[in-house]
Protein backbone atom coordinates (compact mmCIF):
# COMPACT_ATOMS: atom_id res chain seq x y z
CA MET A 1 234.59 54.23 181.58
CA ASP A 2 236.92 55.91 184.05
CA LEU A 3 240.47 54.88 183.17
CA LYS A 4 242.11 57.13 185.73
CA THR A 5 241.17 54.85 188.61
CA ARG A 6 240.88 51.43 186.96
CA LEU A 7 240.56 49.60 183.71
CA PRO A 8 237.06 48.54 182.70
CA SER A 9 236.13 44.93 183.42
CA PHE A 10 235.37 42.49 180.63
CA ASP A 11 231.64 42.97 181.29
CA GLU A 12 231.95 46.73 180.93
CA LEU A 13 234.01 46.43 177.76
CA PHE A 14 231.54 43.92 176.29
CA LYS A 15 228.54 46.09 177.15
CA THR A 16 230.14 49.01 175.35
CA ALA A 17 231.22 46.99 172.32
CA ILE A 18 227.99 45.09 171.86
CA SER A 19 225.99 48.34 172.04
CA GLU A 20 227.86 49.51 168.95
CA TRP A 21 226.61 46.56 166.86
CA PRO A 22 223.16 46.46 165.25
CA LYS A 23 220.66 44.72 167.51
CA VAL A 24 219.85 42.13 164.84
CA LEU A 25 221.99 40.94 161.95
CA ARG A 26 220.61 39.49 158.76
CA LEU A 27 223.45 39.04 156.35
CA PRO A 28 223.81 36.83 153.28
CA VAL A 29 225.80 33.65 153.88
CA ARG A 30 227.47 31.78 151.05
CA ASN A 31 229.39 28.56 150.79
CA ALA A 32 233.10 29.07 150.23
CA GLY A 33 234.18 25.46 149.63
CA ASP A 34 235.73 24.48 152.94
CA GLY A 35 233.74 27.03 154.96
CA PHE A 36 231.34 29.86 154.51
CA VAL A 37 231.39 33.64 154.13
CA VAL A 38 229.05 36.03 155.86
CA GLU A 39 228.77 38.88 153.39
CA GLY A 40 229.52 42.27 154.92
CA LEU A 41 230.44 41.00 158.37
CA THR A 42 234.15 41.83 158.18
CA GLU A 43 233.38 45.29 156.78
CA LEU A 44 230.90 45.92 159.62
CA LYS A 45 233.45 44.84 162.23
CA GLU A 46 236.08 47.12 160.66
CA ALA A 47 233.67 50.10 160.59
CA LEU A 48 232.82 49.58 164.27
CA SER A 49 236.32 48.89 165.57
CA SER A 50 237.98 51.65 163.52
CA LYS A 51 236.22 54.18 165.78
CA TRP A 52 238.61 53.06 168.51
CA VAL A 53 241.82 53.76 166.57
CA GLY A 54 243.94 56.17 168.63
CA HIS A 55 241.82 55.69 171.77
CA GLU A 56 243.63 54.55 174.90
CA LEU A 57 241.53 51.37 174.91
CA GLU A 58 242.20 50.61 171.24
CA VAL A 59 243.90 47.25 171.75
CA LEU A 60 241.13 46.04 174.06
CA MET A 61 238.19 47.28 172.01
CA ARG A 62 239.51 46.32 168.58
CA THR A 63 240.36 42.85 169.90
CA LEU A 64 236.90 42.59 171.47
CA HIS A 65 235.17 43.64 168.22
CA TRP A 66 237.20 40.99 166.34
CA THR A 67 236.15 38.41 168.93
CA ILE A 68 232.48 39.42 168.67
CA CYS A 69 232.76 39.18 164.89
CA SER A 70 234.10 35.62 165.22
CA ALA A 71 231.22 34.67 167.54
CA VAL A 72 228.68 36.19 165.14
CA HIS A 73 230.26 34.32 162.23
CA ALA A 74 229.99 31.04 164.12
CA THR A 75 226.38 31.74 165.04
CA PHE A 76 225.49 32.14 161.36
CA THR A 77 226.44 28.45 160.86
CA CYS A 78 223.21 27.44 162.59
CA LYS A 79 220.95 30.51 162.44
CA PRO A 80 219.94 32.78 159.56
CA VAL A 81 219.52 35.76 161.92
CA VAL A 82 221.76 36.79 164.84
CA VAL A 83 220.20 38.65 167.73
CA MET A 84 223.06 40.38 169.48
CA ALA A 85 221.36 40.30 172.90
CA GLU A 86 221.46 36.48 172.68
CA LEU A 87 225.15 36.32 171.87
CA GLN A 88 227.19 34.69 174.62
CA PRO A 89 229.99 37.02 175.76
CA PRO A 90 233.16 35.49 174.29
CA ARG A 91 235.39 36.23 177.29
CA ASP A 92 237.73 33.20 176.95
CA LYS A 93 238.38 33.83 173.26
CA PHE A 94 238.85 37.56 173.91
CA GLU A 95 241.40 36.97 176.67
CA ALA A 96 243.25 34.35 174.59
CA SER A 97 243.46 36.89 171.75
CA LEU A 98 244.76 39.52 174.14
CA ARG A 99 247.48 37.16 175.32
CA ARG A 100 248.51 36.66 171.68
CA ALA A 101 248.48 40.45 171.19
CA LEU A 102 251.34 40.69 173.64
CA MET A 103 253.52 38.94 171.04
CA VAL A 104 252.36 40.93 168.02
CA PRO A 105 254.74 43.70 167.01
CA SER A 106 251.94 45.76 165.46
CA TRP A 107 250.81 46.83 168.93
CA ASP A 108 253.16 49.22 170.70
CA GLU A 109 254.52 49.05 174.24
CA ARG A 110 251.69 51.22 175.58
CA ASP A 111 249.17 48.69 174.22
CA HIS A 112 251.15 45.80 175.65
CA ARG A 113 251.18 47.54 179.05
CA LEU A 114 247.39 48.00 178.86
CA VAL A 115 246.94 44.28 178.15
CA ARG A 116 249.23 43.34 181.03
CA ASP A 117 247.25 45.71 183.29
CA TYR A 118 243.99 44.12 182.16
CA PHE A 119 245.22 40.74 183.45
CA ALA A 120 246.79 42.17 186.64
CA PRO A 121 245.00 41.14 189.86
């Protein structure tokens, strides 16, 4: 991804992020009262997204990995196995999360600028 001329598109970001996930996920799912827990999913997401800490695309890629994790979690509600190639790209949820990231003080001004640039025409 060449950041010197332009930011990657959502499709480019998604292709990169999804390639970092296992092709197929088979994780234990357990009832947690008012919902369910997919054992190991959060840890997997953290392991994958932590590789982006300190990278200039950190805010985009960590947010995208969180969004993919949410989509995988939701898929486990109706399927015992998640095939990542069948996962619908969660663009709307990703972009909504990025908009919220602009208000989170844990991201610095450089990250906020990157998010604003992502949405710039």
